[in-house]
Amino acid sequence: MSYPESVNTLIDEFSRMPGIGRRSAERLAFHVLKSSTDEAMGLSDAIRRVKESVRHCSVCWNLADDDPCPICRDERRDASVVLVVEQPRDLISLEQTGMHGGVYHVLLGRLDPLDGVGPEGLTVDDLLARLRDPARNARGVEVKEIVLGLNPDMEGDTTALHVAEEARKLGIRTTRLARGLPSGSQIEYASRAVLADAITERRPLD
């Protein structure tokens, strides 16, 4: 016997998620079935609200309900210093240290030629536009420094070198996070103390 069609459909949808195999998808589907109607509808409503209301900030490409995002709008932050990260989750990890008083730019990935990801597949052009034109940056402030906060692995270093080269052409000071981050690790898994040291001990990218 097979599951009812609606259950099979739910299992199929769960199994499309990253890291979710068929067995895990079945467990999730049966968890939904065992849940109360209110709990199940709460999950459905949360997914619908995320898809309807969350967007990328037109300045920094972080996830936000409003455009521009609260960080880009915050007048207490130094918009002349832009910390460049790969993903929104990296931004959250760095922001939780409370050590960065500037703004951010999210590349939404990193260069990976083996997977066919080039600069055009990232938001590099939007970053360079911010560097060229203050009107494209948060609150219309001229960018004086970019800090490369990319993951310390081969792809992250390749991306950092590319961004640094383009920034140098525009005469923008370029620094990177100090190697308080272990090589090969991921920013989102680093402790607050390690991330705080990495921000305060950043160095020019020679």
N, C-alpha and C. Protein backbone atom coordinates (compact mmCIF):
# COMPACT_ATOMS: atom_id res chain seq x y z
N MET A 1 0.84 -1.20 0.00
CA MET A 1 0.00 0.00 0.00
C MET A 1 0.88 1.25 0.00
N SER A 2 0.35 2.29 -0.57
CA SER A 2 1.06 3.57 -0.56
C SER A 2 0.30 4.55 0.31
N TYR A 3 0.94 5.65 0.65
CA TYR A 3 0.28 6.70 1.42
C TYR A 3 -0.78 7.38 0.54
N PRO A 4 -1.74 8.05 1.18
CA PRO A 4 -2.68 8.86 0.38
C PRO A 4 -1.91 9.88 -0.46
N GLU A 5 -2.50 10.28 -1.56
CA GLU A 5 -1.81 11.16 -2.51
C GLU A 5 -1.34 12.45 -1.84
N SER A 6 -2.18 13.02 -0.98
CA SER A 6 -1.81 14.29 -0.33
C SER A 6 -0.61 14.11 0.59
N VAL A 7 -0.51 12.94 1.25
CA VAL A 7 0.64 12.68 2.12
C VAL A 7 1.89 12.49 1.28
N ASN A 8 1.78 11.76 0.18
CA ASN A 8 2.93 11.59 -0.72
C ASN A 8 3.41 12.94 -1.26
N THR A 9 2.49 13.81 -1.57
CA THR A 9 2.85 15.13 -2.07
C THR A 9 3.61 15.92 -1.01
N LEU A 10 3.15 15.84 0.23
CA LEU A 10 3.82 16.54 1.33
C LEU A 10 5.22 15.97 1.54
N ILE A 11 5.35 14.65 1.50
CA ILE A 11 6.67 14.02 1.65
C ILE A 11 7.60 14.46 0.52
N ASP A 12 7.07 14.49 -0.69
CA ASP A 12 7.88 14.92 -1.84
C ASP A 12 8.38 16.35 -1.67
N GLU A 13 7.51 17.22 -1.17
CA GLU A 13 7.90 18.62 -0.98
C GLU A 13 8.97 18.76 0.10
N PHE A 14 8.81 18.03 1.21
CA PHE A 14 9.84 18.07 2.25
C PHE A 14 11.17 17.53 1.74
N SER A 15 11.12 16.48 0.92
CA SER A 15 12.36 15.86 0.43
C SER A 15 13.12 16.75 -0.54
N ARG A 16 12.48 17.81 -1.05
CA ARG A 16 13.16 18.76 -1.92
C ARG A 16 14.09 19.69 -1.14
N MET A 17 13.91 19.74 0.17
CA MET A 17 14.72 20.65 0.98
C MET A 17 16.13 20.12 1.12
N PRO A 18 17.13 21.02 1.23
CA PRO A 18 18.53 20.60 1.36
C PRO A 18 18.73 19.75 2.61
N GLY A 19 19.41 18.61 2.45
CA GLY A 19 19.74 17.77 3.59
C GLY A 19 18.60 16.90 4.09
N ILE A 20 17.45 16.94 3.41
CA ILE A 20 16.30 16.14 3.84
C ILE A 20 16.12 14.97 2.87
N GLY A 21 16.38 13.75 3.37
CA GLY A 21 16.17 12.56 2.56
C GLY A 21 14.73 12.07 2.69
N ARG A 22 14.44 10.96 2.04
CA ARG A 22 13.08 10.43 2.04
C ARG A 22 12.61 10.07 3.45
N ARG A 23 13.47 9.43 4.23
CA ARG A 23 13.08 9.04 5.59
C ARG A 23 12.77 10.27 6.45
N SER A 24 13.65 11.27 6.37
CA SER A 24 13.42 12.49 7.16
C SER A 24 12.16 13.20 6.69
N ALA A 25 11.92 13.19 5.38
CA ALA A 25 10.71 13.82 4.84
C ALA A 25 9.46 13.13 5.37
N GLU A 26 9.52 11.80 5.47
CA GLU A 26 8.37 11.06 6.01
C GLU A 26 8.12 11.44 7.47
N ARG A 27 9.20 11.55 8.24
CA ARG A 27 9.04 11.92 9.66
C ARG A 27 8.42 13.31 9.79
N LEU A 28 8.87 14.23 8.97
CA LEU A 28 8.31 15.58 9.01
C LEU A 28 6.83 15.57 8.62
N ALA A 29 6.51 14.81 7.60
CA ALA A 29 5.12 14.74 7.15
C ALA A 29 4.21 14.17 8.23
N PHE A 30 4.69 13.12 8.91
CA PHE A 30 3.87 12.54 9.96
C PHE A 30 3.82 13.42 11.19
N HIS A 31 4.85 14.23 11.41
CA HIS A 31 4.78 15.21 12.49
C HIS A 31 3.67 16.22 12.21
N VAL A 32 3.57 16.65 10.96
CA VAL A 32 2.49 17.57 10.58
C VAL A 32 1.13 16.92 10.77
N LEU A 33 1.02 15.65 10.37
CA LEU A 33 -0.25 14.94 10.51
C LEU A 33 -0.67 14.79 11.98
N LYS A 34 0.31 14.57 12.85
CA LYS A 34 0.00 14.40 14.28
C LYS A 34 -0.27 15.73 14.97
N SER A 35 0.21 16.81 14.40
CA SER A 35 0.02 18.12 15.01
C SER A 35 -1.44 18.54 14.95
N SER A 36 -1.79 19.48 15.82
CA SER A 36 -3.15 20.04 15.76
C SER A 36 -3.31 20.86 14.49
N THR A 37 -4.54 21.11 14.12
CA THR A 37 -4.80 21.92 12.93
C THR A 37 -4.20 23.30 13.07
N ASP A 38 -4.29 23.88 14.27
CA ASP A 38 -3.73 25.22 14.50
C ASP A 38 -2.21 25.23 14.29
N GLU A 39 -1.54 24.20 14.81
CA GLU A 39 -0.08 24.14 14.64
C GLU A 39 0.31 23.97 13.18
N ALA A 40 -0.40 23.11 12.47
CA ALA A 40 -0.09 22.88 11.06
C ALA A 40 -0.36 24.13 10.24
N MET A 41 -1.47 24.80 10.51
CA MET A 41 -1.80 26.02 9.78
C MET A 41 -0.83 27.14 10.14
N GLY A 42 -0.31 27.11 11.37
CA GLY A 42 0.69 28.10 11.77
C GLY A 42 1.95 27.98 10.93
N LEU A 43 2.37 26.72 10.67
CA LEU A 43 3.52 26.48 9.80
C LEU A 43 3.23 26.97 8.39
N SER A 44 2.05 26.65 7.90
CA SER A 44 1.66 27.08 6.55
C SER A 44 1.64 28.60 6.44
N ASP A 45 1.07 29.27 7.45
CA ASP A 45 1.00 30.73 7.43
C ASP A 45 2.39 31.36 7.50
N ALA A 46 3.29 30.74 8.30
CA ALA A 46 4.65 31.28 8.42
C ALA A 46 5.37 31.20 7.08
N ILE A 47 5.21 30.10 6.37
CA ILE A 47 5.83 29.96 5.05
C ILE A 47 5.25 30.98 4.09
N ARG A 48 3.94 31.16 4.12
CA ARG A 48 3.30 32.12 3.22
C ARG A 48 3.77 33.54 3.51
N ARG A 49 3.87 33.91 4.79
CA ARG A 49 4.29 35.27 5.14
C ARG A 49 5.73 35.53 4.72
N VAL A 50 6.59 34.52 4.89
CA VAL A 50 7.98 34.67 4.47
C VAL A 50 8.07 34.94 2.97
N LYS A 51 7.32 34.18 2.19
CA LYS A 51 7.38 34.34 0.74
C LYS A 51 6.74 35.66 0.28
N GLU A 52 5.77 36.15 1.04
CA GLU A 52 5.09 37.38 0.64
C GLU A 52 5.78 38.65 1.11
N SER A 53 6.47 38.59 2.26
CA SER A 53 6.96 39.84 2.86
C SER A 53 8.47 40.00 2.87
N VAL A 54 9.23 38.90 2.86
CA VAL A 54 10.68 39.03 2.96
C VAL A 54 11.29 39.24 1.58
N ARG A 55 12.19 40.22 1.49
CA ARG A 55 12.86 40.53 0.23
C ARG A 55 14.32 40.87 0.52
N HIS A 56 15.07 41.09 -0.53
CA HIS A 56 16.45 41.54 -0.39
C HIS A 56 16.49 43.06 -0.36
N CYS A 57 17.25 43.60 0.58
CA CYS A 57 17.46 45.04 0.65
C CYS A 57 18.10 45.50 -0.67
N SER A 58 17.60 46.58 -1.24
CA SER A 58 18.11 47.06 -2.53
C SER A 58 19.49 47.68 -2.41
N VAL A 59 19.96 47.94 -1.17
CA VAL A 59 21.29 48.51 -0.95
C VAL A 59 22.30 47.41 -0.66
N CYS A 60 22.04 46.59 0.37
CA CYS A 60 23.04 45.63 0.85
C CYS A 60 22.72 44.17 0.53
N TRP A 61 21.51 43.88 0.07
CA TRP A 61 21.07 42.54 -0.28
C TRP A 61 20.86 41.62 0.90
N ASN A 62 20.77 42.20 2.11
CA ASN A 62 20.38 41.39 3.26
C ASN A 62 18.89 41.10 3.18
N LEU A 63 18.44 40.08 3.89
CA LEU A 63 17.02 39.78 3.96
C LEU A 63 16.33 40.78 4.88
N ALA A 64 15.18 41.28 4.47
CA ALA A 64 14.50 42.30 5.27
C ALA A 64 13.02 42.34 4.93
N ASP A 65 12.23 42.87 5.87
CA ASP A 65 10.81 43.12 5.62
C ASP A 65 10.61 44.46 4.94
N ASP A 66 11.55 45.39 5.15
CA ASP A 66 11.45 46.73 4.59
C ASP A 66 12.64 47.01 3.70
N ASP A 67 12.49 47.99 2.81
CA ASP A 67 13.56 48.36 1.90
C ASP A 67 13.74 49.88 1.91
N PRO A 68 14.94 50.38 2.27
CA PRO A 68 16.12 49.64 2.69
C PRO A 68 15.94 49.01 4.08
N CYS A 69 16.85 48.10 4.40
CA CYS A 69 16.76 47.35 5.66
C CYS A 69 17.09 48.26 6.85
N PRO A 70 16.77 47.84 8.07
CA PRO A 70 17.04 48.67 9.26
C PRO A 70 18.51 49.04 9.43
N ILE A 71 19.43 48.15 9.07
CA ILE A 71 20.86 48.46 9.22
C ILE A 71 21.25 49.59 8.29
N CYS A 72 20.82 49.52 7.05
CA CYS A 72 21.15 50.58 6.09
C CYS A 72 20.52 51.92 6.46
N ARG A 73 19.38 51.88 7.14
CA ARG A 73 18.69 53.12 7.52
C ARG A 73 19.23 53.72 8.81
N ASP A 74 19.93 52.95 9.60
CA ASP A 74 20.36 53.38 10.93
C ASP A 74 21.41 54.49 10.84
N GLU A 75 21.06 55.69 11.26
CA GLU A 75 21.96 56.84 11.17
C GLU A 75 23.11 56.76 12.17
N ARG A 76 23.04 55.85 13.14
CA ARG A 76 24.13 55.70 14.11
C ARG A 76 25.29 54.89 13.52
N ARG A 77 25.07 54.24 12.39
CA ARG A 77 26.11 53.39 11.82
C ARG A 77 26.95 54.17 10.81
N ASP A 78 28.23 53.80 10.72
CA ASP A 78 29.16 54.44 9.79
C ASP A 78 29.02 53.79 8.41
N ALA A 79 28.27 54.43 7.55
CA ALA A 79 27.98 53.86 6.23
C ALA A 79 29.17 53.94 5.28
N SER A 80 30.26 54.58 5.72
CA SER A 80 31.45 54.65 4.86
C SER A 80 32.29 53.37 4.94
N VAL A 81 31.97 52.49 5.90
CA VAL A 81 32.67 51.22 6.06
C VAL A 81 31.68 50.09 5.78
N VAL A 82 31.98 49.31 4.74
CA VAL A 82 31.08 48.24 4.31
C VAL A 82 31.76 46.89 4.54
N LEU A 83 31.14 46.06 5.34
CA LEU A 83 31.64 44.70 5.61
C LEU A 83 30.96 43.74 4.64
N VAL A 84 31.77 43.09 3.80
CA VAL A 84 31.26 42.22 2.74
C VAL A 84 31.23 40.78 3.23
N VAL A 85 30.06 40.13 3.12
CA VAL A 85 29.90 38.76 3.57
C VAL A 85 29.27 37.93 2.45
N GLU A 86 29.30 36.62 2.62
CA GLU A 86 28.76 35.73 1.60
C GLU A 86 27.25 35.59 1.68
N GLN A 87 26.72 35.38 2.89
CA GLN A 87 25.31 35.06 3.05
C GLN A 87 24.70 35.85 4.21
N PRO A 88 23.38 36.03 4.22
CA PRO A 88 22.73 36.72 5.34
C PRO A 88 23.05 36.10 6.70
N ARG A 89 23.21 34.79 6.77
CA ARG A 89 23.52 34.16 8.07
C ARG A 89 24.88 34.60 8.59
N ASP A 90 25.82 34.90 7.68
CA ASP A 90 27.13 35.40 8.11
C ASP A 90 26.97 36.80 8.70
N LEU A 91 26.13 37.61 8.08
CA LEU A 91 25.86 38.95 8.60
C LEU A 91 25.31 38.87 10.02
N ILE A 92 24.37 37.97 10.24
CA ILE A 92 23.77 37.83 11.57
C ILE A 92 24.83 37.44 12.59
N SER A 93 25.71 36.49 12.23
CA SER A 93 26.75 36.05 13.16
C SER A 93 27.67 37.20 13.53
N LEU A 94 28.09 37.99 12.55
CA LEU A 94 28.98 39.12 12.81
C LEU A 94 28.26 40.22 13.57
N GLU A 95 27.02 40.46 13.25
CA GLU A 95 26.26 41.52 13.92
C GLU A 95 26.07 41.21 15.40
N GLN A 96 25.97 39.93 15.74
CA GLN A 96 25.76 39.55 17.14
C GLN A 96 26.96 39.85 18.02
N THR A 97 28.13 40.07 17.41
CA THR A 97 29.29 40.44 18.23
C THR A 97 29.19 41.87 18.74
N GLY A 98 28.43 42.72 18.05
CA GLY A 98 28.31 44.12 18.42
C GLY A 98 29.57 44.92 18.15
N MET A 99 30.50 44.36 17.37
CA MET A 99 31.79 45.00 17.16
C MET A 99 31.87 45.80 15.85
N HIS A 100 30.93 45.61 14.95
CA HIS A 100 30.98 46.31 13.66
C HIS A 100 29.97 47.45 13.66
N GLY A 101 30.48 48.66 13.55
CA GLY A 101 29.60 49.83 13.57
C GLY A 101 29.25 50.36 12.20
N GLY A 102 29.71 49.65 11.14
CA GLY A 102 29.41 50.08 9.78
C GLY A 102 28.20 49.38 9.22
N VAL A 103 28.17 49.26 7.89
CA VAL A 103 27.07 48.58 7.21
C VAL A 103 27.62 47.33 6.52
N TYR A 104 26.79 46.66 5.74
CA TYR A 104 27.16 45.38 5.14
C TYR A 104 26.86 45.35 3.65
N HIS A 105 27.43 44.33 3.01
CA HIS A 105 26.99 43.96 1.66
C HIS A 105 27.03 42.44 1.57
N VAL A 106 25.92 41.84 1.15
CA VAL A 106 25.80 40.38 1.06
C VAL A 106 25.97 39.96 -0.40
N LEU A 107 26.96 39.14 -0.68
CA LEU A 107 27.24 38.70 -2.05
C LEU A 107 26.27 37.62 -2.53
N LEU A 108 25.59 36.97 -1.60
CA LEU A 108 24.68 35.85 -1.92
C LEU A 108 25.42 34.69 -2.57
N GLY A 109 26.64 34.45 -2.08
CA GLY A 109 27.41 33.32 -2.59
C GLY A 109 28.88 33.67 -2.68
N ARG A 110 29.61 32.86 -3.42
CA ARG A 110 31.04 33.08 -3.61
C ARG A 110 31.47 32.48 -4.94
N LEU A 111 32.59 32.93 -5.44
CA LEU A 111 33.08 32.43 -6.71
C LEU A 111 33.42 30.94 -6.59
N ASP A 112 32.94 30.17 -7.55
CA ASP A 112 33.21 28.73 -7.57
C ASP A 112 33.18 28.27 -9.02
N PRO A 113 34.30 28.43 -9.73
CA PRO A 113 34.34 28.08 -11.15
C PRO A 113 33.94 26.64 -11.44
N LEU A 114 34.25 25.72 -10.54
CA LEU A 114 33.90 24.32 -10.76
C LEU A 114 32.39 24.11 -10.82
N ASP A 115 31.65 24.97 -10.10
CA ASP A 115 30.19 24.89 -10.13
C ASP A 115 29.59 25.93 -11.06
N GLY A 116 30.44 26.61 -11.82
CA GLY A 116 29.97 27.59 -12.79
C GLY A 116 29.49 28.89 -12.18
N VAL A 117 29.96 29.22 -10.98
CA VAL A 117 29.55 30.48 -10.33
C VAL A 117 30.64 31.52 -10.56
N GLY A 118 30.33 32.52 -11.37
CA GLY A 118 31.25 33.62 -11.63
C GLY A 118 30.75 34.89 -10.97
N PRO A 119 31.45 36.01 -11.18
CA PRO A 119 31.04 37.28 -10.57
C PRO A 119 29.62 37.69 -10.92
N GLU A 120 29.20 37.33 -12.14
CA GLU A 120 27.85 37.70 -12.58
C GLU A 120 26.77 36.97 -11.79
N GLY A 121 27.13 35.87 -11.14
CA GLY A 121 26.17 35.13 -10.33
C GLY A 121 26.07 35.63 -8.91
N LEU A 122 26.86 36.63 -8.55
CA LEU A 122 26.85 37.23 -7.23
C LEU A 122 26.39 38.69 -7.34
N THR A 123 26.40 39.39 -6.22
CA THR A 123 26.01 40.81 -6.24
C THR A 123 27.23 41.72 -6.26
N VAL A 124 28.31 41.26 -6.91
CA VAL A 124 29.53 42.05 -6.99
C VAL A 124 29.29 43.36 -7.71
N ASP A 125 28.54 43.33 -8.82
CA ASP A 125 28.27 44.56 -9.57
C ASP A 125 27.53 45.59 -8.71
N ASP A 126 26.64 45.12 -7.86
CA ASP A 126 25.91 46.04 -6.98
C ASP A 126 26.85 46.64 -5.94
N LEU A 127 27.80 45.84 -5.46
CA LEU A 127 28.79 46.35 -4.52
C LEU A 127 29.64 47.42 -5.19
N LEU A 128 30.12 47.16 -6.40
CA LEU A 128 30.95 48.12 -7.11
C LEU A 128 30.18 49.40 -7.41
N ALA A 129 28.89 49.26 -7.66
CA ALA A 129 28.05 50.45 -7.87
C ALA A 129 28.00 51.31 -6.61
N ARG A 130 27.96 50.67 -5.45
CA ARG A 130 27.98 51.41 -4.18
C ARG A 130 29.30 52.14 -4.01
N LEU A 131 30.39 51.51 -4.46
CA LEU A 131 31.70 52.12 -4.32
C LEU A 131 31.87 53.30 -5.26
N ARG A 132 31.28 53.21 -6.44
CA ARG A 132 31.41 54.28 -7.43
C ARG A 132 30.49 55.47 -7.13
N ASP A 133 29.29 55.17 -6.69
CA ASP A 133 28.25 56.20 -6.56
C ASP A 133 27.69 56.23 -5.14
N PRO A 134 28.00 57.27 -4.36
CA PRO A 134 27.48 57.35 -2.99
C PRO A 134 25.96 57.25 -2.92
N ALA A 135 25.27 57.66 -3.97
CA ALA A 135 23.81 57.59 -3.96
C ALA A 135 23.30 56.16 -3.88
N ARG A 136 24.15 55.20 -4.29
CA ARG A 136 23.76 53.78 -4.23
C ARG A 136 24.07 53.17 -2.87
N ASN A 137 24.84 53.88 -2.04
CA ASN A 137 25.20 53.36 -0.73
C ASN A 137 24.18 53.78 0.31
N ALA A 138 24.26 53.17 1.48
CA ALA A 138 23.34 53.49 2.58
C ALA A 138 23.37 54.97 2.90
N ARG A 139 22.22 55.59 2.91
CA ARG A 139 22.02 57.01 3.27
C ARG A 139 22.84 57.96 2.39
N GLY A 140 23.27 57.50 1.22
CA GLY A 140 24.00 58.37 0.30
C GLY A 140 25.40 58.72 0.74
N VAL A 141 26.00 57.90 1.61
CA VAL A 141 27.33 58.17 2.16
C VAL A 141 28.39 57.55 1.25
N GLU A 142 29.50 58.26 1.03
CA GLU A 142 30.59 57.74 0.22
C GLU A 142 31.32 56.61 0.95
N VAL A 143 31.60 55.52 0.25
CA VAL A 143 32.31 54.38 0.84
C VAL A 143 33.81 54.67 0.85
N LYS A 144 34.42 54.53 2.02
CA LYS A 144 35.86 54.76 2.16
C LYS A 144 36.64 53.48 2.42
N GLU A 145 35.96 52.45 2.92
CA GLU A 145 36.63 51.19 3.22
C GLU A 145 35.67 50.03 3.06
N ILE A 146 36.17 48.95 2.48
CA ILE A 146 35.40 47.70 2.52
C ILE A 146 36.21 46.69 3.33
N VAL A 147 35.51 45.94 4.15
CA VAL A 147 36.12 44.89 4.97
C VAL A 147 35.63 43.56 4.43
N LEU A 148 36.55 42.70 4.02
CA LEU A 148 36.17 41.42 3.45
C LEU A 148 35.98 40.39 4.56
N GLY A 149 34.75 40.02 4.78
CA GLY A 149 34.40 39.06 5.83
C GLY A 149 33.95 37.74 5.24
N LEU A 150 34.71 37.24 4.27
CA LEU A 150 34.35 36.00 3.59
C LEU A 150 34.94 34.80 4.30
N ASN A 151 34.35 33.64 4.09
CA ASN A 151 34.82 32.44 4.76
C ASN A 151 36.26 32.13 4.38
N PRO A 152 37.11 31.76 5.37
CA PRO A 152 38.54 31.53 5.12
C PRO A 152 38.82 30.17 4.51
N ASP A 153 38.31 29.95 3.31
CA ASP A 153 38.61 28.73 2.57
C ASP A 153 38.97 29.12 1.14
N MET A 154 39.22 28.16 0.28
CA MET A 154 39.73 28.46 -1.06
C MET A 154 38.76 29.33 -1.86
N GLU A 155 37.47 28.99 -1.84
CA GLU A 155 36.50 29.76 -2.59
C GLU A 155 36.33 31.16 -2.01
N GLY A 156 36.34 31.24 -0.67
CA GLY A 156 36.22 32.54 -0.03
C GLY A 156 37.40 33.44 -0.33
N ASP A 157 38.62 32.86 -0.31
CA ASP A 157 39.82 33.63 -0.62
C ASP A 157 39.82 34.08 -2.08
N THR A 158 39.37 33.22 -2.98
CA THR A 158 39.30 33.59 -4.39
C THR A 158 38.34 34.76 -4.59
N THR A 159 37.21 34.69 -3.92
CA THR A 159 36.23 35.77 -4.01
C THR A 159 36.80 37.06 -3.43
N ALA A 160 37.48 36.95 -2.29
CA ALA A 160 38.06 38.12 -1.65
C ALA A 160 39.08 38.80 -2.56
N LEU A 161 39.92 38.02 -3.21
CA LEU A 161 40.93 38.59 -4.10
C LEU A 161 40.29 39.31 -5.28
N HIS A 162 39.22 38.74 -5.81
CA HIS A 162 38.53 39.37 -6.93
C HIS A 162 37.91 40.71 -6.51
N VAL A 163 37.21 40.70 -5.39
CA VAL A 163 36.57 41.93 -4.90
C VAL A 163 37.62 42.98 -4.56
N ALA A 164 38.72 42.55 -3.92
CA ALA A 164 39.79 43.47 -3.54
C ALA A 164 40.40 44.14 -4.77
N GLU A 165 40.62 43.36 -5.83
CA GLU A 165 41.20 43.90 -7.06
C GLU A 165 40.28 44.96 -7.67
N GLU A 166 38.99 44.67 -7.70
CA GLU A 166 38.05 45.63 -8.26
C GLU A 166 37.96 46.90 -7.39
N ALA A 167 38.03 46.72 -6.08
CA ALA A 167 37.97 47.87 -5.18
C ALA A 167 39.21 48.75 -5.32
N ARG A 168 40.37 48.12 -5.49
CA ARG A 168 41.61 48.88 -5.65
C ARG A 168 41.57 49.77 -6.90
N LYS A 169 40.96 49.27 -7.96
CA LYS A 169 40.83 50.05 -9.18
C LYS A 169 40.06 51.35 -8.93
N LEU A 170 39.20 51.31 -7.94
CA LEU A 170 38.39 52.48 -7.60
C LEU A 170 39.01 53.30 -6.48
N GLY A 171 40.19 52.88 -6.00
CA GLY A 171 40.87 53.62 -4.95
C GLY A 171 40.24 53.46 -3.58
N ILE A 172 39.54 52.36 -3.35
CA ILE A 172 38.88 52.11 -2.07
C ILE A 172 39.79 51.28 -1.17
N ARG A 173 39.98 51.73 0.06
CA ARG A 173 40.77 50.97 1.02
C ARG A 173 40.10 49.63 1.28
N THR A 174 40.91 48.56 1.24
CA THR A 174 40.38 47.22 1.42
C THR A 174 41.09 46.50 2.55
N THR A 175 40.33 45.99 3.50
CA THR A 175 40.88 45.20 4.59
C THR A 175 40.13 43.87 4.64
N ARG A 176 40.63 42.94 5.46
CA ARG A 176 39.92 41.69 5.64
C ARG A 176 39.92 41.34 7.12
N LEU A 177 39.03 40.47 7.50
CA LEU A 177 38.98 40.02 8.88
C LEU A 177 40.28 39.31 9.23
N ALA A 178 40.78 39.56 10.44
CA ALA A 178 42.00 38.89 10.89
C ALA A 178 41.76 37.38 10.94
N ARG A 179 42.85 36.63 10.85
CA ARG A 179 42.70 35.18 10.83
C ARG A 179 42.49 34.60 12.21
N GLY A 180 41.62 35.24 12.96
CA GLY A 180 41.13 34.62 14.18
C GLY A 180 40.17 33.50 13.83
N LEU A 181 39.72 33.51 12.57
CA LEU A 181 38.85 32.45 12.09
C LEU A 181 39.69 31.29 11.55
N PRO A 182 39.51 30.10 12.04
CA PRO A 182 40.30 28.97 11.55
C PRO A 182 40.09 28.74 10.07
N SER A 183 41.16 28.47 9.34
CA SER A 183 41.06 28.20 7.91
C SER A 183 40.20 26.97 7.67
N GLY A 184 39.32 27.08 6.70
CA GLY A 184 38.44 25.97 6.36
C GLY A 184 37.14 25.93 7.15
N SER A 185 36.99 26.85 8.12
CA SER A 185 35.76 26.86 8.93
C SER A 185 34.72 27.77 8.28
N GLN A 186 33.55 27.84 8.92
CA GLN A 186 32.46 28.68 8.44
C GLN A 186 32.14 29.75 9.49
N ILE A 187 31.88 30.98 9.03
CA ILE A 187 31.61 32.09 9.94
C ILE A 187 30.44 31.79 10.87
N GLU A 188 29.40 31.17 10.34
CA GLU A 188 28.20 30.96 11.14
C GLU A 188 28.43 30.04 12.34
N TYR A 189 29.52 29.24 12.31
CA TYR A 189 29.79 28.31 13.40
C TYR A 189 30.82 28.86 14.39
N ALA A 190 31.38 30.03 14.11
CA ALA A 190 32.40 30.60 14.99
C ALA A 190 31.74 31.23 16.22
N SER A 191 32.47 31.26 17.35
CA SER A 191 31.94 31.86 18.57
C SER A 191 31.98 33.38 18.46
N ARG A 192 31.24 34.05 19.32
CA ARG A 192 31.21 35.51 19.31
C ARG A 192 32.60 36.08 19.59
N ALA A 193 33.33 35.45 20.50
CA ALA A 193 34.65 35.96 20.86
C ALA A 193 35.60 35.90 19.67
N VAL A 194 35.57 34.79 18.94
CA VAL A 194 36.43 34.65 17.76
C VAL A 194 36.06 35.68 16.71
N LEU A 195 34.76 35.88 16.49
CA LEU A 195 34.32 36.86 15.50
C LEU A 195 34.68 38.28 15.92
N ALA A 196 34.56 38.58 17.21
CA ALA A 196 34.92 39.91 17.71
C ALA A 196 36.40 40.19 17.47
N ASP A 197 37.26 39.21 17.77
CA ASP A 197 38.70 39.37 17.52
C ASP A 197 38.97 39.55 16.04
N ALA A 198 38.27 38.81 15.21
CA ALA A 198 38.49 38.90 13.77
C ALA A 198 38.14 40.28 13.24
N ILE A 199 37.09 40.90 13.79
CA ILE A 199 36.70 42.24 13.33
C ILE A 199 37.70 43.29 13.81
N THR A 200 38.05 43.26 15.09
CA THR A 200 38.92 44.30 15.64
C THR A 200 40.35 44.19 15.13
N GLU A 201 40.79 42.98 14.74
CA GLU A 201 42.17 42.77 14.29
C GLU A 201 42.27 42.66 12.76
N ARG A 202 41.31 43.22 12.03
CA ARG A 202 41.38 43.14 10.58
C ARG A 202 42.63 43.84 10.05
N ARG A 203 43.12 43.37 8.89
CA ARG A 203 44.36 43.87 8.31
C ARG A 203 44.17 44.22 6.85
N PRO A 204 45.00 45.14 6.31
CA PRO A 204 44.92 45.43 4.87
C PRO A 204 45.19 44.18 4.06
N LEU A 205 44.54 44.07 2.90
CA LEU A 205 44.73 42.93 2.02
C LEU A 205 45.80 43.31 1.00
N ASP A 206 47.02 42.79 1.18
CA ASP A 206 48.14 43.15 0.32
C ASP A 206 48.17 42.30 -0.94
